[in-house]
C-alpha atoms as a PDB file:
ATOM      1  CA  MET A   1      79.431  -4.087  -3.002  1.00  0.00           C
ATOM      2  CA  ALA A   2      77.446  -2.501  -5.813  1.00  0.00           C
ATOM      3  CA  ALA A   3      75.712   0.779  -5.019  1.00  0.00           C
ATOM      4  CA  LYS A   4      71.902   0.777  -5.087  1.00  0.00           C
ATOM      5  CA  VAL A   5      70.618   3.116  -7.791  1.00  0.00           C
ATOM      6  CA  GLU A   6      67.073   4.477  -7.586  1.00  0.00           C
ATOM      7  CA  ASN A   7      65.032   4.495 -10.759  1.00  0.00           C
ATOM      8  CA  PRO A   8      63.388   7.945 -11.118  1.00  0.00           C
ATOM      9  CA  LYS A   9      60.905   6.542 -13.590  1.00  0.00           C
ATOM     10  CA  GLY A  10      59.903   3.808 -11.167  1.00  0.00           C
ATOM     11  CA  LYS A  11      59.443   6.360  -8.386  1.00  0.00           C
ATOM     12  CA  ALA A  12      57.320   8.542 -10.646  1.00  0.00           C
ATOM     13  CA  GLN A  13      55.226   5.512 -11.577  1.00  0.00           C
ATOM     14  CA  LYS A  14      54.575   4.739  -7.883  1.00  0.00           C
ATOM     15  CA  LEU A  15      53.500   8.334  -7.240  1.00  0.00           C
ATOM     16  CA  SER A  16      51.223   8.156 -10.262  1.00  0.00           C
ATOM     17  CA  ASN A  17      49.690   4.903  -9.009  1.00  0.00           C
ATOM     18  CA  PHE A  18      49.150   6.425  -5.550  1.00  0.00           C
ATOM     19  CA  ALA A  19      47.433   9.484  -7.024  1.00  0.00           C
ATOM     20  CA  SER A  20      45.227   7.223  -9.121  1.00  0.00           C
ATOM     21  CA  PHE A  21      44.351   5.198  -6.000  1.00  0.00           C
ATOM     22  CA  LYS A  22      43.362   8.368  -4.122  1.00  0.00           C
ATOM     23  CA  LYS A  23      41.056   9.378  -6.959  1.00  0.00           C
ATOM     24  CA  THR A  24      39.324   6.021  -7.311  1.00  0.00           C
ATOM     25  CA  THR A  25      39.022   5.184  -3.602  1.00  0.00           C
ATOM     26  CA  PRO A  26      36.069   7.559  -2.926  1.00  0.00           C
ATOM     27  CA  ILE A  27      34.183   5.940  -5.811  1.00  0.00           C
ATOM     28  CA  LEU A  28      34.799   2.503  -4.348  1.00  0.00           C
ATOM     29  CA  LEU A  29      33.752   3.709  -0.899  1.00  0.00           C
ATOM     30  CA  ASN A  30      30.571   5.259  -2.302  1.00  0.00           C
ATOM     31  CA  ASN A  31      29.681   2.011  -4.090  1.00  0.00           C
ATOM     32  CA  THR A  32      30.347   0.066  -0.886  1.00  0.00           C
ATOM     33  CA  ALA A  33      28.220   2.490   1.137  1.00  0.00           C
ATOM     34  CA  GLN A  34      25.258   1.918  -1.168  1.00  0.00           C
ATOM     35  CA  MET A  35      25.407  -1.783  -0.345  1.00  0.00           C
ATOM     36  CA  LEU A  36      25.407  -1.236   3.437  1.00  0.00           C
ATOM     37  CA  TYR A  37      22.182  -1.849   5.297  1.00  0.00           C
ATOM     38  CA  ARG A  38      20.957  -0.319   8.518  1.00  0.00           C
ATOM     39  CA  ILE A  39      17.946  -1.051  10.685  1.00  0.00           C
ATOM     40  CA  HIS A  40      15.450   1.795  10.568  1.00  0.00           C
ATOM     41  CA  LYS A  41      14.571   3.497  13.850  1.00  0.00           C
ATOM     42  CA  GLU A  42      10.874   2.660  13.310  1.00  0.00           C
ATOM     43  CA  GLY A  43      11.680  -1.031  13.677  1.00  0.00           C
ATOM     44  CA  ARG A  44      13.816  -1.035  16.814  1.00  0.00           C
ATOM     45  CA  THR A  45      11.032  -1.365  19.393  1.00  0.00           C
ATOM     46  CA  ILE A  46       9.152  -3.963  17.334  1.00  0.00           C
ATOM     47  CA  LEU A  47      12.299  -6.001  16.723  1.00  0.00           C
ATOM     48  CA  LEU A  48      13.269  -6.013  20.409  1.00  0.00           C
ATOM     49  CA  THR A  49       9.725  -6.978  21.417  1.00  0.00           C
ATOM     50  CA  VAL A  50       9.556  -9.811  18.881  1.00  0.00           C
ATOM     51  CA  LEU A  51      13.010 -11.047  19.904  1.00  0.00           C
ATOM     52  CA  ALA A  52      12.053 -11.103  23.590  1.00  0.00           C
ATOM     53  CA  ALA A  53       8.813 -12.955  22.842  1.00  0.00           C
ATOM     54  CA  LEU A  54      10.609 -15.549  20.717  1.00  0.00           C
ATOM     55  CA  VAL A  55      13.245 -16.124  23.391  1.00  0.00           C
ATOM     56  CA  VAL A  56      10.537 -16.760  26.008  1.00  0.00           C
ATOM     57  CA  LEU A  57       8.624 -19.084  23.674  1.00  0.00           C
ATOM     58  CA  ASN A  58      11.744 -21.050  22.752  1.00  0.00           C
ATOM     59  CA  LEU A  59      12.731 -21.460  26.413  1.00  0.00           C
ATOM     60  CA  THR A  60       9.215 -22.696  27.110  1.00  0.00           C
ATOM     61  CA  PHE A  61       9.503 -25.285  24.326  1.00  0.00           C
ATOM     62  CA  TRP A  62      12.959 -26.307  25.602  1.00  0.00           C
ATOM     63  CA  LYS A  63      11.567 -26.956  29.089  1.00  0.00           C
ATOM     64  CA  PHE A  64       8.141 -28.432  28.407  1.00  0.00           C
ATOM     65  CA  LEU A  65       8.284 -29.822  24.869  1.00  0.00           C
ATOM     66  CA  PRO A  66      11.958 -30.516  24.036  1.00  0.00           C
ATOM     67  CA  ILE A  67      11.066 -32.872  21.176  1.00  0.00           C
ATOM     68  CA  ALA A  68       9.728 -29.900  19.189  1.00  0.00           C
ATOM     69  CA  PHE A  69      12.331 -27.354  20.319  1.00  0.00           C
ATOM     70  CA  TRP A  70      14.633 -27.476  17.286  1.00  0.00           C
ATOM     71  CA  ILE A  71      11.747 -27.216  14.811  1.00  0.00           C
ATOM     72  CA  PHE A  72      10.298 -24.237  16.670  1.00  0.00           C
ATOM     73  CA  LEU A  73      13.748 -22.626  16.907  1.00  0.00           C
ATOM     74  CA  ALA A  74      14.243 -22.901  13.142  1.00  0.00           C
ATOM     75  CA  LEU A  75      10.784 -21.415  12.506  1.00  0.00           C
ATOM     76  CA  SER A  76      11.557 -18.617  14.969  1.00  0.00           C
ATOM     77  CA  VAL A  77      14.777 -17.707  13.149  1.00  0.00           C
ATOM     78  CA  VAL A  78      13.005 -17.611   9.785  1.00  0.00           C
ATOM     79  CA  PHE A  79      10.163 -15.511  11.202  1.00  0.00           C
ATOM     80  CA  TYR A  80      12.559 -13.050  12.833  1.00  0.00           C
ATOM     81  CA  LEU A  81      14.564 -12.642   9.630  1.00  0.00           C
ATOM     82  CA  ILE A  82      11.324 -11.849   7.745  1.00  0.00           C
ATOM     83  CA  VAL A  83      10.396  -9.181  10.307  1.00  0.00           C
ATOM     84  CA  LEU A  84      13.979  -7.866  10.264  1.00  0.00           C
ATOM     85  CA  GLN A  85      13.972  -7.316   6.501  1.00  0.00           C
ATOM     86  CA  PHE A  86      10.808  -5.199   6.817  1.00  0.00           C
ATOM     87  CA  PHE A  87      12.895  -2.559   8.590  1.00  0.00           C
ATOM     88  CA  ARG A  88      16.087  -2.551   6.537  1.00  0.00           C
ATOM     89  CA  ASN A  89      17.295   0.890   5.565  1.00  0.00           C
ATOM     90  CA  PRO A  90      19.938   0.798   2.815  1.00  0.00           C
ATOM     91  CA  VAL A  91      22.359   3.698   2.549  1.00  0.00           C
ATOM     92  CA  ARG A  92      21.549   5.495  -0.707  1.00  0.00           C
ATOM     93  CA  GLU A  93      22.681   8.835  -2.057  1.00  0.00           C
ATOM     94  CA  ILE A  94      21.214  10.466  -5.138  1.00  0.00           C
ATOM     95  CA  MET A  95      23.642  10.696  -8.041  1.00  0.00           C
ATOM     96  CA  VAL A  96      22.805  14.305  -8.984  1.00  0.00           C
ATOM     97  CA  ALA A  97      20.842  16.828  -6.897  1.00  0.00           C
ATOM     98  CA  ASP A  98      18.601  18.469  -9.490  1.00  0.00           C
ATOM     99  CA  ASN A  99      14.946  19.503  -9.182  1.00  0.00           C
ATOM    100  CA  SER A 100      14.398  18.840 -12.870  1.00  0.00           C
ATOM    101  CA  ILE A 101      14.900  15.161 -11.990  1.00  0.00           C
ATOM    102  CA  ILE A 102      12.190  13.383  -9.972  1.00  0.00           C
ATOM    103  CA  TYR A 103      13.699  10.424  -8.147  1.00  0.00           C
ATOM    104  CA  ALA A 104      11.603   7.505  -6.909  1.00  0.00           C
ATOM    105  CA  PRO A 105      10.493   8.316  -3.349  1.00  0.00           C
ATOM    106  CA  ALA A 106      10.132   4.622  -2.494  1.00  0.00           C
ATOM    107  CA  ASP A 107      11.051   1.087  -3.545  1.00  0.00           C
ATOM    108  CA  GLY A 108       8.443  -0.980  -5.313  1.00  0.00           C
ATOM    109  CA  ARG A 109       6.563  -1.587  -8.551  1.00  0.00           C
ATOM    110  CA  ILE A 110       5.033   1.062 -10.795  1.00  0.00           C
ATOM    111  CA  CYS A 111       1.278   0.373 -10.668  1.00  0.00           C
ATOM    112  CA  VAL A 112      -0.207   3.581 -12.119  1.00  0.00           C
ATOM    113  CA  ILE A 113       0.871   5.964 -14.885  1.00  0.00           C
ATOM    114  CA  GLU A 114      -1.992   8.154 -16.028  1.00  0.00           C
ATOM    115  CA  GLU A 115      -3.539  11.588 -16.184  1.00  0.00           C
ATOM    116  CA  ALA A 116      -5.755  11.977 -13.132  1.00  0.00           C
ATOM    117  CA  TYR A 117      -7.768  14.713 -11.490  1.00  0.00           C
ATOM    118  CA  GLU A 118      -6.116  15.675  -8.186  1.00  0.00           C
ATOM    119  CA  SER A 119      -8.968  16.901  -5.995  1.00  0.00           C
ATOM    120  CA  GLU A 120      -7.337  17.761  -2.679  1.00  0.00           C
ATOM    121  CA  TYR A 121      -4.814  20.481  -3.547  1.00  0.00           C
ATOM    122  CA  PHE A 122      -4.356  21.186  -7.254  1.00  0.00           C
ATOM    123  CA  LYS A 123      -8.002  20.596  -8.208  1.00  0.00           C
ATOM    124  CA  GLU A 124      -6.918  19.950 -11.773  1.00  0.00           C
ATOM    125  CA  LYS A 125      -5.486  17.170 -13.914  1.00  0.00           C
ATOM    126  CA  ARG A 126      -1.934  16.058 -13.204  1.00  0.00           C
ATOM    127  CA  LEU A 127       0.294  13.170 -14.253  1.00  0.00           C
ATOM    128  CA  GLN A 128      -0.032  10.480 -11.593  1.00  0.00           C
ATOM    129  CA  VAL A 129       2.727   7.930 -11.034  1.00  0.00           C
ATOM    130  CA  SER A 130       2.134   5.391  -8.252  1.00  0.00           C
ATOM    131  CA  ILE A 131       4.541   2.936  -6.628  1.00  0.00           C
ATOM    132  CA  PHE A 132       3.176  -0.166  -4.923  1.00  0.00           C
ATOM    133  CA  MET A 133       5.351  -1.223  -1.980  1.00  0.00           C
ATOM    134  CA  SER A 134       5.036  -4.918  -1.154  1.00  0.00           C
ATOM    135  CA  PRO A 135       5.854  -6.226   2.343  1.00  0.00           C
ATOM    136  CA  PHE A 136       9.260  -7.274   0.974  1.00  0.00           C
ATOM    137  CA  ASN A 137      10.275  -3.845  -0.324  1.00  0.00           C
ATOM    138  CA  VAL A 138      12.233  -1.242   1.620  1.00  0.00           C
ATOM    139  CA  HIS A 139       9.583   0.873   3.381  1.00  0.00           C
ATOM    140  CA  VAL A 140      11.548   4.118   3.735  1.00  0.00           C
ATOM    141  CA  ASN A 141      10.036   7.130   1.928  1.00  0.00           C
ATOM    142  CA  ARG A 142      12.292   9.896   0.607  1.00  0.00           C
ATOM    143  CA  ASN A 143      11.865  13.423  -0.710  1.00  0.00           C
ATOM    144  CA  PRO A 144      11.702  13.241  -4.529  1.00  0.00           C
ATOM    145  CA  VAL A 145      12.805  16.897  -4.832  1.00  0.00           C
ATOM    146  CA  SER A 146      14.294  19.728  -2.769  1.00  0.00           C
ATOM    147  CA  GLY A 147      12.171  22.685  -1.747  1.00  0.00           C
ATOM    148  CA  VAL A 148       9.727  24.020   0.818  1.00  0.00           C
ATOM    149  CA  VAL A 149       6.866  21.906   2.168  1.00  0.00           C
ATOM    150  CA  ASN A 150       4.056  24.178   1.060  1.00  0.00           C
ATOM    151  CA  TYR A 151       1.201  21.963   2.274  1.00  0.00           C
ATOM    152  CA  PHE A 152       0.851  18.946   4.577  1.00  0.00           C
ATOM    153  CA  ARG A 153      -2.213  17.020   5.690  1.00  0.00           C
ATOM    154  CA  TYR A 154      -2.798  13.719   7.466  1.00  0.00           C
ATOM    155  CA  HIS A 155      -6.076  11.907   6.669  1.00  0.00           C
ATOM    156  CA  PRO A 156      -7.345   8.943   8.706  1.00  0.00           C
ATOM    157  CA  GLY A 157      -9.237   6.466   6.568  1.00  0.00           C
ATOM    158  CA  LYS A 158      -9.818   2.920   5.393  1.00  0.00           C
ATOM    159  CA  TYR A 159      -7.323   0.136   4.723  1.00  0.00           C
ATOM    160  CA  LEU A 160      -8.209  -1.019   1.225  1.00  0.00           C
ATOM    161  CA  VAL A 161      -5.550  -2.984  -0.652  1.00  0.00           C
ATOM    162  CA  ALA A 162      -2.957  -0.489  -1.887  1.00  0.00           C
ATOM    163  CA  TRP A 163      -3.583  -1.136  -5.591  1.00  0.00           C
ATOM    164  CA  HIS A 164      -7.315  -0.381  -5.263  1.00  0.00           C
ATOM    165  CA  PRO A 165      -8.236   2.719  -7.348  1.00  0.00           C
ATOM    166  CA  LYS A 166      -9.968   4.352  -4.359  1.00  0.00           C
ATOM    167  CA  SER A 167      -7.074   3.813  -1.941  1.00  0.00           C
ATOM    168  CA  SER A 168      -5.593   7.171  -2.998  1.00  0.00           C
ATOM    169  CA  THR A 169      -8.637   9.043  -1.689  1.00  0.00           C
ATOM    170  CA  GLU A 170     -10.222   6.744   0.936  1.00  0.00           C
ATOM    171  CA  ASN A 171      -7.325   5.044   2.768  1.00  0.00           C
ATOM    172  CA  GLU A 172      -5.312   6.465   5.651  1.00  0.00           C
ATOM    173  CA  ARG A 173      -2.819   8.789   3.957  1.00  0.00           C
ATOM    174  CA  THR A 174      -0.695  11.896   4.069  1.00  0.00           C
ATOM    175  CA  THR A 175      -0.424  14.571   1.390  1.00  0.00           C
ATOM    176  CA  VAL A 176       2.776  16.592   0.980  1.00  0.00           C
ATOM    177  CA  VAL A 177       3.207  19.402  -1.545  1.00  0.00           C
ATOM    178  CA  TYR A 178       6.743  20.529  -2.401  1.00  0.00           C
ATOM    179  CA  ASP A 179       7.278  24.034  -3.758  1.00  0.00           C
ATOM    180  CA  ILE A 180      10.401  23.797  -5.923  1.00  0.00           C
ATOM    181  CA  GLY A 181      10.350  27.371  -7.141  1.00  0.00           C
ATOM    182  CA  LYS A 182       9.380  26.654 -10.714  1.00  0.00           C
ATOM    183  CA  GLY A 183       6.363  24.577  -9.790  1.00  0.00           C
ATOM    184  CA  LYS A 184       4.865  22.205  -7.243  1.00  0.00           C
ATOM    185  CA  ILE A 185       5.015  18.431  -6.796  1.00  0.00           C
ATOM    186  CA  LEU A 186       2.515  16.474  -4.709  1.00  0.00           C
ATOM    187  CA  MET A 187       3.447  13.232  -2.959  1.00  0.00           C
ATOM    188  CA  ARG A 188       1.014  11.021  -1.084  1.00  0.00           C
ATOM    189  CA  GLN A 189       1.788   8.218   1.404  1.00  0.00           C
ATOM    190  CA  ILE A 190      -1.031   5.654   1.443  1.00  0.00           C
ATOM    191  CA  ALA A 191      -1.561   2.871   3.973  1.00  0.00           C
ATOM    192  CA  GLY A 192      -2.597  -0.527   2.629  1.00  0.00           C
ATOM    193  CA  ALA A 193      -4.355  -3.595   3.984  1.00  0.00           C
ATOM    194  CA  LEU A 194      -1.285  -4.620   6.017  1.00  0.00           C
ATOM    195  CA  ALA A 195       0.262  -1.197   6.554  1.00  0.00           C
ATOM    196  CA  LYS A 196      -1.714   0.423   9.343  1.00  0.00           C
ATOM    197  CA  ARG A 197       0.775   3.024  10.464  1.00  0.00           C
ATOM    198  CA  ILE A 198       2.238   5.895   8.480  1.00  0.00           C
ATOM    199  CA  LYS A 199       5.135   7.906   9.882  1.00  0.00           C
ATOM    200  CA  TRP A 200       6.220  11.274   8.531  1.00  0.00           C
ATOM    201  CA  TYR A 201       9.129  13.572   9.388  1.00  0.00           C
ATOM    202  CA  VAL A 202       8.054  16.753   7.578  1.00  0.00           C
ATOM    203  CA  GLN A 203       5.646  19.569   8.295  1.00  0.00           C
ATOM    204  CA  GLU A 204       4.485  22.745   6.570  1.00  0.00           C
ATOM    205  CA  GLY A 205       7.232  25.317   6.169  1.00  0.00           C
ATOM    206  CA  ASP A 206      10.114  22.824   6.291  1.00  0.00           C
ATOM    207  CA  GLN A 207      12.996  23.284   3.863  1.00  0.00           C
ATOM    208  CA  VAL A 208      13.830  19.761   2.690  1.00  0.00           C
ATOM    209  CA  GLN A 209      16.566  18.209   0.608  1.00  0.00           C
ATOM    210  CA  GLN A 210      16.139  15.825  -2.291  1.00  0.00           C
ATOM    211  CA  GLY A 211      16.826  12.244  -1.247  1.00  0.00           C
ATOM    212  CA  GLN A 212      16.445  12.736   2.503  1.00  0.00           C
ATOM    213  CA  GLU A 213      14.046  10.544   4.480  1.00  0.00           C
ATOM    214  CA  MET A 214      10.573  12.035   4.786  1.00  0.00           C
ATOM    215  CA  GLY A 215       8.698   9.110   6.287  1.00  0.00           C
ATOM    216  CA  PHE A 216       8.112   5.394   6.683  1.00  0.00           C
ATOM    217  CA  ILE A 217       5.109   3.119   6.068  1.00  0.00           C
ATOM    218  CA  LYS A 218       5.136  -0.117   8.033  1.00  0.00           C
ATOM    219  CA  PHE A 219       4.616  -3.388   6.154  1.00  0.00           C
ATOM    220  CA  GLY A 220       4.111  -2.091   2.630  1.00  0.00           C
ATOM    221  CA  SER A 221       1.616   0.193   0.947  1.00  0.00           C
ATOM    222  CA  ARG A 222       1.743   2.781  -1.846  1.00  0.00           C
ATOM    223  CA  VAL A 223       3.187   6.173  -2.736  1.00  0.00           C
ATOM    224  CA  ASP A 224       1.599   8.496  -5.331  1.00  0.00           C
ATOM    225  CA  LEU A 225       3.279  11.341  -7.187  1.00  0.00           C
ATOM    226  CA  PHE A 226       1.269  14.042  -8.960  1.00  0.00           C
ATOM    227  CA  LEU A 227       3.439  15.819 -11.530  1.00  0.00           C
ATOM    228  CA  PRO A 228       2.896  18.576 -14.111  1.00  0.00           C
ATOM    229  CA  LEU A 229       1.252  17.370 -17.317  1.00  0.00           C
ATOM    230  CA  ASN A 230       4.370  18.229 -19.336  1.00  0.00           C
ATOM    231  CA  ALA A 231       6.645  16.037 -17.202  1.00  0.00           C
ATOM    232  CA  LYS A 232       8.570  13.402 -19.158  1.00  0.00           C
ATOM    233  CA  ILE A 233       7.917   9.990 -17.581  1.00  0.00           C
ATOM    234  CA  GLU A 234      11.046   7.794 -17.434  1.00  0.00           C
ATOM    235  CA  VAL A 235       9.479   4.600 -16.052  1.00  0.00           C
ATOM    236  CA  ALA A 236       7.061   1.976 -17.389  1.00  0.00           C
ATOM    237  CA  MET A 237       4.150   0.049 -15.911  1.00  0.00           C
ATOM    238  CA  ASN A 238       5.199  -2.843 -13.633  1.00  0.00           C
ATOM    239  CA  GLN A 239       8.803  -1.622 -13.568  1.00  0.00           C
ATOM    240  CA  GLN A 240      10.643  -2.203 -10.302  1.00  0.00           C
ATOM    241  CA  VAL A 241      12.097   1.024  -8.926  1.00  0.00           C
ATOM    242  CA  LYS A 242      14.390   1.925  -6.033  1.00  0.00           C
ATOM    243  CA  GLY A 243      14.176   5.037  -3.912  1.00  0.00           C
ATOM    244  CA  ASN A 244      16.881   7.637  -4.638  1.00  0.00           C
ATOM    245  CA  LEU A 245      18.251   5.534  -7.509  1.00  0.00           C
ATOM    246  CA  THR A 246      15.509   5.336 -10.162  1.00  0.00           C
ATOM    247  CA  VAL A 247      14.585   8.459 -12.137  1.00  0.00           C
ATOM    248  CA  VAL A 248      10.781   8.543 -12.344  1.00  0.00           C
ATOM    249  CA  ALA A 249      10.384  11.693 -14.444  1.00  0.00           C
ATOM    250  CA  ARG A 250      12.076  14.829 -15.739  1.00  0.00           C
ATOM    251  CA  LEU A 251      10.558  18.310 -15.664  1.00  0.00           C
END
């Protein structure tokens, strides 16, 4: 019987392939993680309540109006899926943590890029970039930079449509100012005609990290950023942006 001879080159090639696999696997896992979706905590009670109500209604149709049961069941499934997508929370990590990069704090469409007078905190002209969040966008809000929350205010107000020019100053809203050491960035959560509840997870004095969740606006609305006048804007009007992924500006 012939003796089995190991090929050193073949063994070395296998080790090389294994090392290459170890290096590339984290990249693949990171890409996979970005595609994962979670249900946001703000939606759990609503989703359970809606599910319970739909179950009761469908059982009622099954018992008293069976001829319409299957139609109502199909409509119920579609309705529940629509409500479910309102509260999706995709896993997203910023590519580079850098305060010279301003990441989008929300998903949506760029609806304002202009110089504007900011009257609440800065009381001077700043570069305003606004993101309109439709009911079909992800509603999670994220910190665009790292730093200390230097200022926070909640303002009750109206519920004008989010793209209305006066929504930034008259609607229900929060104002958050981040001190990043070399300057300050103001972010404003604004409720819209459908969004009648703003949630926030920051307060004055908090040390926050770029990309972390800072709040949630139910059923769409708008987020404003007020940046230094010398900021370089990296987005265009009507561009679709994604929180933590799209670079809005560079300082």
